[in-house]
């Protein structure tokens, strides 16, 4: 359980891909548009993960001790398994 706990927590200083754009990228409209499209896609993926977590018809989504999948959600919070929800 201790290994699972250690491996399932994010570092407080972890940086998330797509969270912030490099300042120099904002100067080029093509790069800026591509970054915004990528960031939007990450938000879509997070929504898909949330939907699958609530869908009880999914494999392994029924029964005692079923935890929602949050580890690789694009915008999960630091030190937790997702969005301020500690284990």
Protein backbone atom coordinates (compact mmCIF):
# COMPACT_ATOMS: atom_id res chain seq x y z
CA UNK A 1 0.00 0.00 0.00
CA UNK A 2 2.88 2.36 0.75
CA UNK A 3 4.33 1.85 -2.74
CA UNK A 4 0.93 2.49 -4.31
CA UNK A 5 0.58 5.65 -2.23
CA UNK A 6 4.02 6.97 -3.22
CA UNK A 7 3.57 6.19 -6.90
CA UNK A 8 0.09 7.68 -7.09
CA UNK A 9 0.90 11.15 -5.75
CA UNK A 10 2.14 14.06 -7.79
CA UNK A 11 5.12 16.13 -6.73
CA UNK A 12 4.23 19.61 -5.41
CA UNK A 13 6.61 21.21 -7.92
CA UNK A 14 5.42 19.15 -10.88
CA UNK A 15 4.72 21.05 -14.10
CA UNK A 16 1.85 19.92 -16.29
CA UNK A 17 2.06 19.83 -20.05
CA UNK A 18 -0.30 22.31 -21.66
CA UNK A 19 -0.80 24.27 -18.45
CA UNK A 20 1.19 27.38 -19.32
CA UNK A 21 2.48 28.60 -22.64
CA UNK A 22 6.10 29.65 -22.99
CA UNK A 23 6.19 33.47 -23.23
CA UNK A 24 8.01 33.41 -26.57
CA UNK A 25 5.30 31.20 -28.10
CA UNK A 26 2.68 33.91 -27.67
CA UNK A 27 4.48 36.05 -30.24
CA UNK A 28 3.80 33.60 -33.08
CA UNK A 29 0.08 33.29 -33.92
CA UNK A 30 0.52 29.82 -35.49
CA UNK A 31 2.24 28.42 -32.39
CA UNK A 32 -0.23 30.14 -30.09
CA UNK A 33 -3.19 28.66 -32.00
CA UNK A 34 -1.64 25.18 -31.94
CA UNK A 35 -1.02 25.46 -28.18
CA UNK A 36 -4.60 26.54 -27.52
CA UNK A 37 -5.91 23.64 -29.64
CA UNK A 38 -3.67 21.23 -27.69
CA UNK A 39 -4.82 22.67 -24.36
CA UNK A 40 -8.45 22.30 -25.44
CA UNK A 41 -7.85 18.67 -26.37
CA UNK A 42 -6.35 18.01 -22.93
CA UNK A 43 -9.51 19.39 -21.34
CA UNK A 44 -11.60 17.10 -23.57
CA UNK A 45 -9.52 14.11 -22.45
CA UNK A 46 -10.03 15.06 -18.82
CA UNK A 47 -13.79 15.16 -19.45
CA UNK A 48 -13.62 11.69 -21.02
CA UNK A 49 -11.78 10.35 -17.97
CA UNK A 50 -14.37 11.92 -15.65
CA UNK A 51 -17.24 10.44 -17.68
CA UNK A 52 -15.67 6.97 -17.65
CA UNK A 53 -15.12 7.21 -13.89
CA UNK A 54 -18.85 7.77 -13.35
CA UNK A 55 -20.01 5.13 -15.85
CA UNK A 56 -20.86 2.02 -13.82
CA UNK A 57 -21.18 -0.03 -17.01
CA UNK A 58 -17.42 0.18 -17.60
CA UNK A 59 -15.34 -2.88 -16.72
CA UNK A 60 -14.11 -2.80 -13.10
CA UNK A 61 -16.38 0.14 -12.16
CA UNK A 62 -18.61 -1.82 -9.81
CA UNK A 63 -17.97 -3.17 -6.33
CA UNK A 64 -16.30 -2.23 -3.09
CA UNK A 65 -13.08 -0.27 -3.11
CA UNK A 66 -13.36 1.09 -6.65
CA UNK A 67 -11.35 4.30 -6.85
CA UNK A 68 -11.86 6.81 -9.68
CA UNK A 69 -8.94 7.04 -12.12
CA UNK A 70 -7.28 10.42 -11.63
CA UNK A 71 -3.52 9.92 -11.75
CA UNK A 72 -2.95 10.86 -15.40
CA UNK A 73 -5.72 13.40 -15.69
CA UNK A 74 -4.18 16.38 -17.48
CA UNK A 75 -5.02 18.89 -14.77
CA UNK A 76 -4.92 16.89 -11.54
CA UNK A 77 -3.58 18.79 -8.55
CA UNK A 78 -0.17 18.44 -6.90
CA UNK A 79 0.29 15.97 -4.08
CA UNK A 80 -3.02 14.29 -4.73
CA UNK A 81 -4.56 11.88 -7.18
CA UNK A 82 -6.62 14.62 -8.76
CA UNK A 83 -8.26 18.02 -8.32
CA UNK A 84 -7.68 18.43 -4.61
CA UNK A 85 -9.09 15.02 -3.70
CA UNK A 86 -6.53 13.16 -1.57
CA UNK A 87 -6.74 9.40 -1.19
